[in-house]
Structures are given as C-alpha cells and as structure tokens.
Amino acid sequence: MMRHIALGLGLCSLMVVGCDAANKVASSAKAVGEKLSDEAAKALKSDTLKPIESAMASIPEKINALAADKKPAAQEAYESLKKMVIEFKEAAPEKLSALAKTLTEKFKELKAMIGLEG
C-alpha cells in the first residue's frame, strides 16, 4: 500500500515539474514570437511609410499647381493622408496590415489626382 502511495506522489511531482518546464518553454516561445512580430511590424511600417514620407514635401507644390476646381479635393485628400500616416505610426501591430493597405491605396489615389510620378 505504501508503495502505491509513494508511486502516486512521485507521479504527481513529475507532472508538476513537467508542467513547470512546459510553461517555461511556452513563455520562451511567446517571447520569440513577439520579438519576430515586433520586427515584422517595424519592417511593414518602414516599407509602407518610406515612399509616402519621401513624397510628402512635393505634394503641396503639386496641389498648388492644380486648376482651381481640383485644388480643394486634392487638399482634402492630402490632409486625410497626413492623418492616416499619424494613425498608422501609432497603430497596434495587429492592425498594421489592414491600415497599410488603406494608406497605400489613398496615397496612390492622391498621386493620380495631383499627377505625382512614381
């Protein structure tokens, strides 16, 4: 009878130690995943923002060169794009992909509207 009790206690302690080790492995894997996710988010931000930010300086000049009837729409699109850039920079990593797509589309629309090449 004592053997069964000792065996049972031994098995319980092995399970506790095994669970602790499994938790350590899981938390390590989670940390690695978060680091990779963080790096992927930084890369997505950089790849999305680089062409937009490089074109931002020339956009007001292009808007000013437009015909009077097209300026208000282009100016509104430009202001909207600037707000979206700020929102994108502050966004949580899980929202970046969708925001990157929307931001890129709006930038393409504005470029077409003002005749910006590239």
PDB file of N, CA and C in Angstrom:
ATOM      1  N   MET A   1       0.812  -1.182   0.000  1.00  0.00           N
ATOM      2  CA  MET A   1       0.000   0.000   0.000  1.00  0.00           C
ATOM      3  C   MET A   1       0.869   1.265   0.000  1.00  0.00           C
ATOM      4  N   MET A   2       1.914   1.249   0.808  1.00  0.00           N
ATOM      5  CA  MET A   2       2.817   2.382   0.882  1.00  0.00           C
ATOM      6  C   MET A   2       3.508   2.612  -0.457  1.00  0.00           C
ATOM      7  N   ARG A   3       3.792   1.516  -1.153  1.00  0.00           N
ATOM      8  CA  ARG A   3       4.433   1.643  -2.463  1.00  0.00           C
ATOM      9  C   ARG A   3       3.525   2.395  -3.424  1.00  0.00           C
ATOM     10  N   HIS A   4       2.245   2.086  -3.387  1.00  0.00           N
ATOM     11  CA  HIS A   4       1.283   2.749  -4.283  1.00  0.00           C
ATOM     12  C   HIS A   4       1.179   4.243  -3.973  1.00  0.00           C
ATOM     13  N   ILE A   5       1.186   4.563  -2.706  1.00  0.00           N
ATOM     14  CA  ILE A   5       1.110   5.963  -2.306  1.00  0.00           C
ATOM     15  C   ILE A   5       2.380   6.698  -2.743  1.00  0.00           C
ATOM     16  N   ALA A   6       3.527   6.075  -2.514  1.00  0.00           N
ATOM     17  CA  ALA A   6       4.793   6.686  -2.907  1.00  0.00           C
ATOM     18  C   ALA A   6       4.857   6.849  -4.420  1.00  0.00           C
ATOM     19  N   LEU A   7       4.416   5.830  -5.138  1.00  0.00           N
ATOM     20  CA  LEU A   7       4.405   5.898  -6.597  1.00  0.00           C
ATOM     21  C   LEU A   7       3.465   7.012  -7.074  1.00  0.00           C
ATOM     22  N   GLY A   8       2.323   7.139  -6.449  1.00  0.00           N
ATOM     23  CA  GLY A   8       1.362   8.181  -6.806  1.00  0.00           C
ATOM     24  C   GLY A   8       1.918   9.576  -6.546  1.00  0.00           C
ATOM     25  N   LEU A   9       2.554   9.748  -5.394  1.00  0.00           N
ATOM     26  CA  LEU A   9       3.164  11.034  -5.081  1.00  0.00           C
ATOM     27  C   LEU A   9       4.302  11.354  -6.045  1.00  0.00           C
ATOM     28  N   GLY A  10       5.076  10.332  -6.398  1.00  0.00           N
ATOM     29  CA  GLY A  10       6.171  10.528  -7.355  1.00  0.00           C
ATOM     30  C   GLY A  10       5.647  10.961  -8.712  1.00  0.00           C
ATOM     31  N   LEU A  11       4.587  10.341  -9.176  1.00  0.00           N
ATOM     32  CA  LEU A  11       3.999  10.706 -10.463  1.00  0.00           C
ATOM     33  C   LEU A  11       3.431  12.130 -10.428  1.00  0.00           C
ATOM     34  N   CYS A  12       2.792  12.487  -9.332  1.00  0.00           N
ATOM     35  CA  CYS A  12       2.253  13.848  -9.201  1.00  0.00           C
ATOM     36  C   CYS A  12       3.367  14.882  -9.246  1.00  0.00           C
ATOM     37  N   SER A  13       4.469  14.608  -8.557  1.00  0.00           N
ATOM     38  CA  SER A  13       5.569  15.577  -8.559  1.00  0.00           C
ATOM     39  C   SER A  13       6.199  15.681  -9.939  1.00  0.00           C
ATOM     40  N   LEU A  14       6.278  14.571 -10.682  1.00  0.00           N
ATOM     41  CA  LEU A  14       6.797  14.623 -12.053  1.00  0.00           C
ATOM     42  C   LEU A  14       5.892  15.452 -12.954  1.00  0.00           C
ATOM     43  N   MET A  15       4.595  15.335 -12.749  1.00  0.00           N
ATOM     44  CA  MET A  15       3.655  16.102 -13.558  1.00  0.00           C
ATOM     45  C   MET A  15       3.802  17.598 -13.275  1.00  0.00           C
ATOM     46  N   VAL A  16       3.987  17.956 -12.005  1.00  0.00           N
ATOM     47  CA  VAL A  16       4.144  19.364 -11.639  1.00  0.00           C
ATOM     48  C   VAL A  16       5.422  19.914 -12.243  1.00  0.00           C
ATOM     49  N   VAL A  17       6.517  19.163 -12.127  1.00  0.00           N
ATOM     50  CA  VAL A  17       7.788  19.594 -12.705  1.00  0.00           C
ATOM     51  C   VAL A  17       7.664  19.681 -14.219  1.00  0.00           C
ATOM     52  N   GLY A  18       7.004  18.739 -14.825  1.00  0.00           N
ATOM     53  CA  GLY A  18       6.807  18.741 -16.278  1.00  0.00           C
ATOM     54  C   GLY A  18       5.981  19.938 -16.729  1.00  0.00           C
ATOM     55  N   CYS A  19       4.962  20.273 -15.983  1.00  0.00           N
ATOM     56  CA  CYS A  19       4.122  21.440 -16.319  1.00  0.00           C
ATOM     57  C   CYS A  19       4.920  22.726 -16.203  1.00  0.00           C
ATOM     58  N   ASP A  20       5.763  22.808 -15.169  1.00  0.00           N
ATOM     59  CA  ASP A  20       6.587  23.991 -14.984  1.00  0.00           C
ATOM     60  C   ASP A  20       7.546  24.160 -16.163  1.00  0.00           C
ATOM     61  N   ALA A  21       8.153  23.073 -16.585  1.00  0.00           N
ATOM     62  CA  ALA A  21       9.071  23.132 -17.724  1.00  0.00           C
ATOM     63  C   ALA A  21       8.318  23.496 -18.999  1.00  0.00           C
ATOM     64  N   ALA A  22       7.149  22.943 -19.170  1.00  0.00           N
ATOM     65  CA  ALA A  22       6.345  23.257 -20.355  1.00  0.00           C
ATOM     66  C   ALA A  22       5.949  24.732 -20.359  1.00  0.00           C
ATOM     67  N   ASN A  23       5.617  25.265 -19.189  1.00  0.00           N
ATOM     68  CA  ASN A  23       5.276  26.687 -19.104  1.00  0.00           C
ATOM     69  C   ASN A  23       6.466  27.567 -19.457  1.00  0.00           C
ATOM     70  N   LYS A  24       7.665  27.165 -19.015  1.00  0.00           N
ATOM     71  CA  LYS A  24       8.866  27.935 -19.343  1.00  0.00           C
ATOM     72  C   LYS A  24       9.119  27.924 -20.846  1.00  0.00           C
ATOM     73  N   VAL A  25       8.959  26.770 -21.459  1.00  0.00           N
ATOM     74  CA  VAL A  25       9.149  26.668 -22.913  1.00  0.00           C
ATOM     75  C   VAL A  25       8.102  27.500 -23.645  1.00  0.00           C
ATOM     76  N   ALA A  26       6.872  27.436 -23.177  1.00  0.00           N
ATOM     77  CA  ALA A  26       5.802  28.203 -23.821  1.00  0.00           C
ATOM     78  C   ALA A  26       6.049  29.703 -23.704  1.00  0.00           C
ATOM     79  N   SER A  27       6.493  30.163 -22.533  1.00  0.00           N
ATOM     80  CA  SER A  27       6.744  31.590 -22.381  1.00  0.00           C
ATOM     81  C   SER A  27       7.942  32.027 -23.215  1.00  0.00           C
ATOM     82  N   SER A  28       8.948  31.160 -23.356  1.00  0.00           N
ATOM     83  CA  SER A  28      10.086  31.481 -24.222  1.00  0.00           C
ATOM     84  C   SER A  28       9.647  31.579 -25.677  1.00  0.00           C
ATOM     85  N   ALA A  29       8.812  30.656 -26.100  1.00  0.00           N
ATOM     86  CA  ALA A  29       8.314  30.677 -27.479  1.00  0.00           C
ATOM     87  C   ALA A  29       7.469  31.924 -27.723  1.00  0.00           C
ATOM     88  N   LYS A  30       6.681  32.306 -26.733  1.00  0.00           N
ATOM     89  CA  LYS A  30       5.858  33.502 -26.867  1.00  0.00           C
ATOM     90  C   LYS A  30       6.738  34.748 -27.000  1.00  0.00           C
ATOM     91  N   ALA A  31       7.802  34.820 -26.204  1.00  0.00           N
ATOM     92  CA  ALA A  31       8.719  35.967 -26.272  1.00  0.00           C
ATOM     93  C   ALA A  31       9.390  36.053 -27.635  1.00  0.00           C
ATOM     94  N   VAL A  32       9.797  34.907 -28.176  1.00  0.00           N
ATOM     95  CA  VAL A  32      10.418  34.888 -29.504  1.00  0.00           C
ATOM     96  C   VAL A  32       9.402  35.315 -30.562  1.00  0.00           C
ATOM     97  N   GLY A  33       8.180  34.819 -30.447  1.00  0.00           N
ATOM     98  CA  GLY A  33       7.122  35.207 -31.381  1.00  0.00           C
ATOM     99  C   GLY A  33       6.822  36.689 -31.330  1.00  0.00           C
ATOM    100  N   GLU A  34       6.795  37.256 -30.131  1.00  0.00           N
ATOM    101  CA  GLU A  34       6.548  38.692 -30.002  1.00  0.00           C
ATOM    102  C   GLU A  34       7.688  39.504 -30.593  1.00  0.00           C
ATOM    103  N   LYS A  35       8.914  39.021 -30.422  1.00  0.00           N
ATOM    104  CA  LYS A  35      10.067  39.731 -30.986  1.00  0.00           C
ATOM    105  C   LYS A  35      10.004  39.711 -32.509  1.00  0.00           C
ATOM    106  N   LEU A  36       9.667  38.532 -33.071  1.00  0.00           N
ATOM    107  CA  LEU A  36       9.537  38.443 -34.526  1.00  0.00           C
ATOM    108  C   LEU A  36       8.387  39.318 -35.014  1.00  0.00           C
ATOM    109  N   SER A  37       7.294  39.320 -34.272  1.00  0.00           N
ATOM    110  CA  SER A  37       6.146  40.143 -34.642  1.00  0.00           C
ATOM    111  C   SER A  37       6.512  41.621 -34.593  1.00  0.00           C
ATOM    112  N   ASP A  38       7.283  41.992 -33.602  1.00  0.00           N
ATOM    113  CA  ASP A  38       7.742  43.371 -33.462  1.00  0.00           C
ATOM    114  C   ASP A  38       8.621  43.773 -34.646  1.00  0.00           C
ATOM    115  N   GLU A  39       9.513  42.887 -35.041  1.00  0.00           N
ATOM    116  CA  GLU A  39      10.389  43.160 -36.177  1.00  0.00           C
ATOM    117  C   GLU A  39       9.596  43.236 -37.475  1.00  0.00           C
ATOM    118  N   ALA A  40       8.616  42.360 -37.624  1.00  0.00           N
ATOM    119  CA  ALA A  40       7.777  42.388 -38.822  1.00  0.00           C
ATOM    120  C   ALA A  40       6.958  43.673 -38.877  1.00  0.00           C
ATOM    121  N   ALA A  41       6.469  44.122 -37.729  1.00  0.00           N
ATOM    122  CA  ALA A  41       5.695  45.370 -37.677  1.00  0.00           C
ATOM    123  C   ALA A  41       6.576  46.554 -38.053  1.00  0.00           C
ATOM    124  N   LYS A  42       7.799  46.578 -37.553  1.00  0.00           N
ATOM    125  CA  LYS A  42       8.720  47.664 -37.897  1.00  0.00           C
ATOM    126  C   LYS A  42       9.027  47.663 -39.387  1.00  0.00           C
ATOM    127  N   ALA A  43       9.233  46.486 -39.949  1.00  0.00           N
ATOM    128  CA  ALA A  43       9.520  46.392 -41.378  1.00  0.00           C
ATOM    129  C   ALA A  43       8.323  46.850 -42.213  1.00  0.00           C
ATOM    130  N   LEU A  44       7.124  46.458 -41.809  1.00  0.00           N
ATOM    131  CA  LEU A  44       5.917  46.874 -42.531  1.00  0.00           C
ATOM    132  C   LEU A  44       5.743  48.385 -42.461  1.00  0.00           C
ATOM    133  N   LYS A  45       5.971  48.953 -41.278  1.00  0.00           N
ATOM    134  CA  LYS A  45       5.864  50.406 -41.144  1.00  0.00           C
ATOM    135  C   LYS A  45       6.870  51.102 -42.047  1.00  0.00           C
ATOM    136  N   SER A  46       8.091  50.628 -42.016  1.00  0.00           N
ATOM    137  CA  SER A  46       9.146  51.245 -42.822  1.00  0.00           C
ATOM    138  C   SER A  46       8.832  51.143 -44.314  1.00  0.00           C
ATOM    139  N   ASP A  47       8.460  49.951 -44.763  1.00  0.00           N
ATOM    140  CA  ASP A  47       8.177  49.739 -46.188  1.00  0.00           C
ATOM    141  C   ASP A  47       6.982  50.557 -46.660  1.00  0.00           C
ATOM    142  N   THR A  48       6.007  50.738 -45.807  1.00  0.00           N
ATOM    143  CA  THR A  48       4.812  51.493 -46.177  1.00  0.00           C
ATOM    144  C   THR A  48       5.069  52.998 -46.149  1.00  0.00           C
ATOM    145  N   LEU A  49       5.766  53.462 -45.119  1.00  0.00           N
ATOM    146  CA  LEU A  49       5.933  54.905 -44.930  1.00  0.00           C
ATOM    147  C   LEU A  49       7.033  55.528 -45.774  1.00  0.00           C
ATOM    148  N   LYS A  50       8.032  54.763 -46.135  1.00  0.00           N
ATOM    149  CA  LYS A  50       9.175  55.331 -46.854  1.00  0.00           C
ATOM    150  C   LYS A  50       8.767  56.071 -48.127  1.00  0.00           C
ATOM    151  N   PRO A  51       8.014  55.480 -49.052  1.00  0.00           N
ATOM    152  CA  PRO A  51       7.653  56.223 -50.271  1.00  0.00           C
ATOM    153  C   PRO A  51       6.701  57.397 -50.002  1.00  0.00           C
ATOM    154  N   ILE A  52       5.848  57.238 -49.013  1.00  0.00           N
ATOM    155  CA  ILE A  52       4.893  58.306 -48.700  1.00  0.00           C
ATOM    156  C   ILE A  52       5.619  59.509 -48.117  1.00  0.00           C
ATOM    157  N   GLU A  53       6.467  59.257 -47.134  1.00  0.00           N
ATOM    158  CA  GLU A  53       7.176  60.360 -46.492  1.00  0.00           C
ATOM    159  C   GLU A  53       8.160  61.042 -47.435  1.00  0.00           C
ATOM    160  N   SER A  54       8.732  60.291 -48.375  1.00  0.00           N
ATOM    161  CA  SER A  54       9.657  60.925 -49.321  1.00  0.00           C
ATOM    162  C   SER A  54       8.917  61.829 -50.309  1.00  0.00           C
ATOM    163  N   ALA A  55       7.639  61.551 -50.540  1.00  0.00           N
ATOM    164  CA  ALA A  55       6.857  62.358 -51.474  1.00  0.00           C
ATOM    165  C   ALA A  55       6.122  63.512 -50.793  1.00  0.00           C
ATOM    166  N   MET A  56       6.028  63.496 -49.482  1.00  0.00           N
ATOM    167  CA  MET A  56       5.234  64.495 -48.759  1.00  0.00           C
ATOM    168  C   MET A  56       5.669  65.933 -49.034  1.00  0.00           C
ATOM    169  N   ALA A  57       6.936  66.173 -49.187  1.00  0.00           N
ATOM    170  CA  ALA A  57       7.416  67.551 -49.401  1.00  0.00           C
ATOM    171  C   ALA A  57       6.960  68.116 -50.740  1.00  0.00           C
ATOM    172  N   SER A  58       6.848  67.266 -51.739  1.00  0.00           N
ATOM    173  CA  SER A  58       6.490  67.766 -53.070  1.00  0.00           C
ATOM    174  C   SER A  58       4.979  67.823 -53.310  1.00  0.00           C
ATOM    175  N   ILE A  59       4.200  67.211 -52.450  1.00  0.00           N
ATOM    176  CA  ILE A  59       2.742  67.178 -52.658  1.00  0.00           C
ATOM    177  C   ILE A  59       2.117  68.574 -52.604  1.00  0.00           C
ATOM    178  N   PRO A  60       2.428  69.429 -51.624  1.00  0.00           N
ATOM    179  CA  PRO A  60       1.813  70.774 -51.616  1.00  0.00           C
ATOM    180  C   PRO A  60       2.117  71.575 -52.882  1.00  0.00           C
ATOM    181  N   GLU A  61       3.325  71.441 -53.406  1.00  0.00           N
ATOM    182  CA  GLU A  61       3.668  72.139 -54.650  1.00  0.00           C
ATOM    183  C   GLU A  61       2.793  71.659 -55.803  1.00  0.00           C
ATOM    184  N   LYS A  62       2.598  70.350 -55.860  1.00  0.00           N
ATOM    185  CA  LYS A  62       1.757  69.788 -56.927  1.00  0.00           C
ATOM    186  C   LYS A  62       0.302  70.240 -56.773  1.00  0.00           C
ATOM    187  N   ILE A  63      -0.162  70.315 -55.546  1.00  0.00           N
ATOM    188  CA  ILE A  63      -1.541  70.757 -55.309  1.00  0.00           C
ATOM    189  C   ILE A  63      -1.700  72.214 -55.734  1.00  0.00           C
ATOM    190  N   ASN A  64      -0.724  73.051 -55.404  1.00  0.00           N
ATOM    191  CA  ASN A  64      -0.797  74.467 -55.786  1.00  0.00           C
ATOM    192  C   ASN A  64      -0.775  74.657 -57.296  1.00  0.00           C
ATOM    193  N   ALA A  65      -0.182  73.730 -58.013  1.00  0.00           N
ATOM    194  CA  ALA A  65      -0.109  73.841 -59.465  1.00  0.00           C
ATOM    195  C   ALA A  65      -1.395  73.355 -60.157  1.00  0.00           C
ATOM    196  N   LEU A  66      -2.308  72.783 -59.402  1.00  0.00           N
ATOM    197  CA  LEU A  66      -3.552  72.269 -59.995  1.00  0.00           C
ATOM    198  C   LEU A  66      -4.499  73.403 -60.364  1.00  0.00           C
ATOM    199  N   ALA A  67      -5.438  73.085 -61.228  1.00  0.00           N
ATOM    200  CA  ALA A  67      -6.504  74.023 -61.572  1.00  0.00           C
ATOM    201  C   ALA A  67      -7.348  74.281 -60.324  1.00  0.00           C
ATOM    202  N   ALA A  68      -7.930  75.461 -60.261  1.00  0.00           N
ATOM    203  CA  ALA A  68      -8.677  75.898 -59.078  1.00  0.00           C
ATOM    204  C   ALA A  68      -9.801  74.939 -58.689  1.00  0.00           C
ATOM    205  N   ASP A  69     -10.435  74.321 -59.678  1.00  0.00           N
ATOM    206  CA  ASP A  69     -11.549  73.427 -59.355  1.00  0.00           C
ATOM    207  C   ASP A  69     -11.080  72.088 -58.779  1.00  0.00           C
ATOM    208  N   LYS A  70      -9.815  71.730 -58.970  1.00  0.00           N
ATOM    209  CA  LYS A  70      -9.299  70.451 -58.470  1.00  0.00           C
ATOM    210  C   LYS A  70      -8.546  70.587 -57.148  1.00  0.00           C
ATOM    211  N   LYS A  71      -8.169  71.805 -56.793  1.00  0.00           N
ATOM    212  CA  LYS A  71      -7.380  72.020 -55.573  1.00  0.00           C
ATOM    213  C   LYS A  71      -8.078  71.561 -54.292  1.00  0.00           C
ATOM    214  N   PRO A  72      -9.353  71.923 -54.080  1.00  0.00           N
ATOM    215  CA  PRO A  72      -9.981  71.546 -52.803  1.00  0.00           C
ATOM    216  C   PRO A  72     -10.012  70.026 -52.562  1.00  0.00           C
ATOM    217  N   ALA A  73     -10.328  69.272 -53.586  1.00  0.00           N
ATOM    218  CA  ALA A  73     -10.376  67.807 -53.432  1.00  0.00           C
ATOM    219  C   ALA A  73      -8.988  67.250 -53.151  1.00  0.00           C
ATOM    220  N   ALA A  74      -7.989  67.776 -53.843  1.00  0.00           N
ATOM    221  CA  ALA A  74      -6.620  67.312 -53.636  1.00  0.00           C
ATOM    222  C   ALA A  74      -6.117  67.697 -52.248  1.00  0.00           C
ATOM    223  N   GLN A  75      -6.444  68.909 -51.813  1.00  0.00           N
ATOM    224  CA  GLN A  75      -6.036  69.352 -50.478  1.00  0.00           C
ATOM    225  C   GLN A  75      -6.689  68.495 -49.398  1.00  0.00           C
ATOM    226  N   GLU A  76      -7.951  68.182 -49.584  1.00  0.00           N
ATOM    227  CA  GLU A  76      -8.672  67.331 -48.632  1.00  0.00           C
ATOM    228  C   GLU A  76      -8.057  65.930 -48.586  1.00  0.00           C
ATOM    229  N   ALA A  77      -7.721  65.403 -49.756  1.00  0.00           N
ATOM    230  CA  ALA A  77      -7.087  64.075 -49.813  1.00  0.00           C
ATOM    231  C   ALA A  77      -5.717  64.102 -49.139  1.00  0.00           C
ATOM    232  N   TYR A  78      -4.987  65.188 -49.301  1.00  0.00           N
ATOM    233  CA  TYR A  78      -3.672  65.339 -48.675  1.00  0.00           C
ATOM    234  C   TYR A  78      -3.789  65.399 -47.151  1.00  0.00           C
ATOM    235  N   GLU A  79      -4.728  66.182 -46.649  1.00  0.00           N
ATOM    236  CA  GLU A  79      -4.940  66.280 -45.202  1.00  0.00           C
ATOM    237  C   GLU A  79      -5.355  64.930 -44.623  1.00  0.00           C
ATOM    238  N   SER A  80      -6.213  64.228 -45.349  1.00  0.00           N
ATOM    239  CA  SER A  80      -6.646  62.897 -44.926  1.00  0.00           C
ATOM    240  C   SER A  80      -5.461  61.930 -44.879  1.00  0.00           C
ATOM    241  N   LEU A  81      -4.592  62.014 -45.876  1.00  0.00           N
ATOM    242  CA  LEU A  81      -3.410  61.156 -45.924  1.00  0.00           C
ATOM    243  C   LEU A  81      -2.486  61.436 -44.739  1.00  0.00           C
ATOM    244  N   LYS A  82      -2.303  62.706 -44.402  1.00  0.00           N
ATOM    245  CA  LYS A  82      -1.444  63.052 -43.264  1.00  0.00           C
ATOM    246  C   LYS A  82      -1.997  62.465 -41.961  1.00  0.00           C
ATOM    247  N   LYS A  83      -3.314  62.523 -41.788  1.00  0.00           N
ATOM    248  CA  LYS A  83      -3.939  61.949 -40.593  1.00  0.00           C
ATOM    249  C   LYS A  83      -3.768  60.427 -40.568  1.00  0.00           C
ATOM    250  N   MET A  84      -3.902  59.819 -41.734  1.00  0.00           N
ATOM    251  CA  MET A  84      -3.744  58.363 -41.809  1.00  0.00           C
ATOM    252  C   MET A  84      -2.309  57.945 -41.496  1.00  0.00           C
ATOM    253  N   VAL A  85      -1.337  58.739 -41.903  1.00  0.00           N
ATOM    254  CA  VAL A  85       0.064  58.433 -41.603  1.00  0.00           C
ATOM    255  C   VAL A  85       0.284  58.448 -40.089  1.00  0.00           C
ATOM    256  N   ILE A  86      -0.268  59.443 -39.421  1.00  0.00           N
ATOM    257  CA  ILE A  86      -0.139  59.526 -37.962  1.00  0.00           C
ATOM    258  C   ILE A  86      -0.809  58.320 -37.301  1.00  0.00           C
ATOM    259  N   GLU A  87      -2.006  57.990 -37.752  1.00  0.00           N
ATOM    260  CA  GLU A  87      -2.736  56.839 -37.214  1.00  0.00           C
ATOM    261  C   GLU A  87      -1.949  55.545 -37.443  1.00  0.00           C
ATOM    262  N   PHE A  88      -1.352  55.417 -38.612  1.00  0.00           N
ATOM    263  CA  PHE A  88      -0.569  54.223 -38.944  1.00  0.00           C
ATOM    264  C   PHE A  88       0.653  54.109 -38.044  1.00  0.00           C
ATOM    265  N   LYS A  89       1.314  55.211 -37.785  1.00  0.00           N
ATOM    266  CA  LYS A  89       2.509  55.193 -36.930  1.00  0.00           C
ATOM    267  C   LYS A  89       2.173  54.775 -35.507  1.00  0.00           C
ATOM    268  N   GLU A  90       0.982  55.130 -35.048  1.00  0.00           N
ATOM    269  CA  GLU A  90       0.579  54.840 -33.674  1.00  0.00           C
ATOM    270  C   GLU A  90      -0.196  53.537 -33.525  1.00  0.00           C
ATOM    271  N   ALA A  91      -0.473  52.851 -34.626  1.00  0.00           N
ATOM    272  CA  ALA A  91      -1.335  51.672 -34.597  1.00  0.00           C
ATOM    273  C   ALA A  91      -0.667  50.474 -33.931  1.00  0.00           C
ATOM    274  N   ALA A  92      -1.503  49.629 -33.371  1.00  0.00           N
ATOM    275  CA  ALA A  92      -1.046  48.369 -32.785  1.00  0.00           C
ATOM    276  C   ALA A  92      -0.616  47.425 -33.911  1.00  0.00           C
ATOM    277  N   PRO A  93       0.336  46.558 -33.645  1.00  0.00           N
ATOM    278  CA  PRO A  93       0.848  45.657 -34.689  1.00  0.00           C
ATOM    279  C   PRO A  93      -0.220  44.823 -35.391  1.00  0.00           C
ATOM    280  N   GLU A  94      -1.260  44.411 -34.666  1.00  0.00           N
ATOM    281  CA  GLU A  94      -2.288  43.574 -35.294  1.00  0.00           C
ATOM    282  C   GLU A  94      -3.160  44.346 -36.282  1.00  0.00           C
ATOM    283  N   LYS A  95      -3.126  45.671 -36.242  1.00  0.00           N
ATOM    284  CA  LYS A  95      -3.925  46.487 -37.156  1.00  0.00           C
ATOM    285  C   LYS A  95      -3.120  47.021 -38.341  1.00  0.00           C
ATOM    286  N   LEU A  96      -1.807  46.833 -38.303  1.00  0.00           N
ATOM    287  CA  LEU A  96      -0.945  47.441 -39.312  1.00  0.00           C
ATOM    288  C   LEU A  96      -1.223  46.970 -40.732  1.00  0.00           C
ATOM    289  N   SER A  97      -1.456  45.702 -40.900  1.00  0.00           N
ATOM    290  CA  SER A  97      -1.623  45.160 -42.248  1.00  0.00           C
ATOM    291  C   SER A  97      -2.799  45.815 -42.976  1.00  0.00           C
ATOM    292  N   ALA A  98      -3.929  45.876 -42.309  1.00  0.00           N
ATOM    293  CA  ALA A  98      -5.111  46.491 -42.922  1.00  0.00           C
ATOM    294  C   ALA A  98      -4.899  47.984 -43.155  1.00  0.00           C
ATOM    295  N   LEU A  99      -4.292  48.656 -42.176  1.00  0.00           N
ATOM    296  CA  LEU A  99      -4.040  50.085 -42.331  1.00  0.00           C
ATOM    297  C   LEU A  99      -3.026  50.374 -43.429  1.00  0.00           C
ATOM    298  N   ALA A 100      -2.038  49.491 -43.573  1.00  0.00           N
ATOM    299  CA  ALA A 100      -1.027  49.679 -44.621  1.00  0.00           C
ATOM    300  C   ALA A 100      -1.676  49.627 -46.002  1.00  0.00           C
ATOM    301  N   LYS A 101      -2.595  48.712 -46.170  1.00  0.00           N
ATOM    302  CA  LYS A 101      -3.289  48.583 -47.458  1.00  0.00           C
ATOM    303  C   LYS A 101      -4.105  49.841 -47.751  1.00  0.00           C
ATOM    304  N   THR A 102      -4.860  50.309 -46.775  1.00  0.00           N
ATOM    305  CA  THR A 102      -5.682  51.501 -46.949  1.00  0.00           C
ATOM    306  C   THR A 102      -4.819  52.730 -47.206  1.00  0.00           C
ATOM    307  N   LEU A 103      -3.747  52.871 -46.447  1.00  0.00           N
ATOM    308  CA  LEU A 103      -2.852  54.014 -46.591  1.00  0.00           C
ATOM    309  C   LEU A 103      -2.208  54.031 -47.972  1.00  0.00           C
ATOM    310  N   THR A 104      -1.765  52.884 -48.427  1.00  0.00           N
ATOM    311  CA  THR A 104      -1.150  52.787 -49.748  1.00  0.00           C
ATOM    312  C   THR A 104      -2.147  53.133 -50.852  1.00  0.00           C
ATOM    313  N   GLU A 105      -3.377  52.667 -50.713  1.00  0.00           N
ATOM    314  CA  GLU A 105      -4.412  52.981 -51.708  1.00  0.00           C
ATOM    315  C   GLU A 105      -4.701  54.488 -51.744  1.00  0.00           C
ATOM    316  N   LYS A 106      -4.819  55.101 -50.586  1.00  0.00           N
ATOM    317  CA  LYS A 106      -5.090  56.544 -50.529  1.00  0.00           C
ATOM    318  C   LYS A 106      -3.935  57.346 -51.129  1.00  0.00           C
ATOM    319  N   PHE A 107      -2.722  56.885 -50.880  1.00  0.00           N
ATOM    320  CA  PHE A 107      -1.550  57.558 -51.436  1.00  0.00           C
ATOM    321  C   PHE A 107      -1.550  57.454 -52.965  1.00  0.00           C
ATOM    322  N   LYS A 108      -1.886  56.294 -53.492  1.00  0.00           N
ATOM    323  CA  LYS A 108      -1.956  56.121 -54.949  1.00  0.00           C
ATOM    324  C   LYS A 108      -3.036  57.018 -55.544  1.00  0.00           C
ATOM    325  N   GLU A 109      -4.173  57.111 -54.865  1.00  0.00           N
ATOM    326  CA  GLU A 109      -5.255  57.984 -55.346  1.00  0.00           C
ATOM    327  C   GLU A 109      -4.802  59.442 -55.384  1.00  0.00           C
ATOM    328  N   LEU A 110      -4.134  59.877 -54.327  1.00  0.00           N
ATOM    329  CA  LEU A 110      -3.661  61.259 -54.281  1.00  0.00           C
ATOM    330  C   LEU A 110      -2.608  61.505 -55.361  1.00  0.00           C
ATOM    331  N   LYS A 111      -1.710  60.552 -55.551  1.00  0.00           N
ATOM    332  CA  LYS A 111      -0.689  60.715 -56.601  1.00  0.00           C
ATOM    333  C   LYS A 111      -1.342  60.858 -57.970  1.00  0.00           C
ATOM    334  N   ALA A 112      -2.354  60.063 -58.238  1.00  0.00           N
ATOM    335  CA  ALA A 112      -3.072  60.146 -59.510  1.00  0.00           C
ATOM    336  C   ALA A 112      -3.784  61.488 -59.639  1.00  0.00           C
ATOM    337  N   MET A 113      -4.334  61.953 -58.537  1.00  0.00           N
ATOM    338  CA  MET A 113      -5.102  63.203 -58.520  1.00  0.00           C
ATOM    339  C   MET A 113      -4.206  64.410 -58.841  1.00  0.00           C
ATOM    340  N   ILE A 114      -2.977  64.394 -58.328  1.00  0.00           N
ATOM    341  CA  ILE A 114      -2.108  65.560 -58.494  1.00  0.00           C
ATOM    342  C   ILE A 114      -1.044  65.359 -59.578  1.00  0.00           C
ATOM    343  N   GLY A 115      -1.003  64.186 -60.173  1.00  0.00           N
ATOM    344  CA  GLY A 115      -0.035  63.912 -61.237  1.00  0.00           C
ATOM    345  C   GLY A 115       1.384  63.695 -60.735  1.00  0.00           C
ATOM    346  N   LEU A 116       1.503  63.103 -59.567  1.00  0.00           N
ATOM    347  CA  LEU A 116       2.819  62.797 -58.998  1.00  0.00           C
ATOM    348  C   LEU A 116       3.294  61.461 -59.553  1.00  0.00           C
ATOM    349  N   GLU A 117       4.476  61.444 -60.103  1.00  0.00           N
ATOM    350  CA  GLU A 117       5.011  60.216 -60.692  1.00  0.00           C
ATOM    351  C   GLU A 117       5.653  59.355 -59.620  1.00  0.00           C
ATOM    352  N   GLY A 118       5.764  58.050 -59.924  1.00  0.00           N
ATOM    353  CA  GLY A 118       6.483  57.149 -59.025  1.00  0.00           C
ATOM    354  C   GLY A 118       5.661  56.199 -58.350  1.00  0.00           C
TER     355      GLY A 118
END
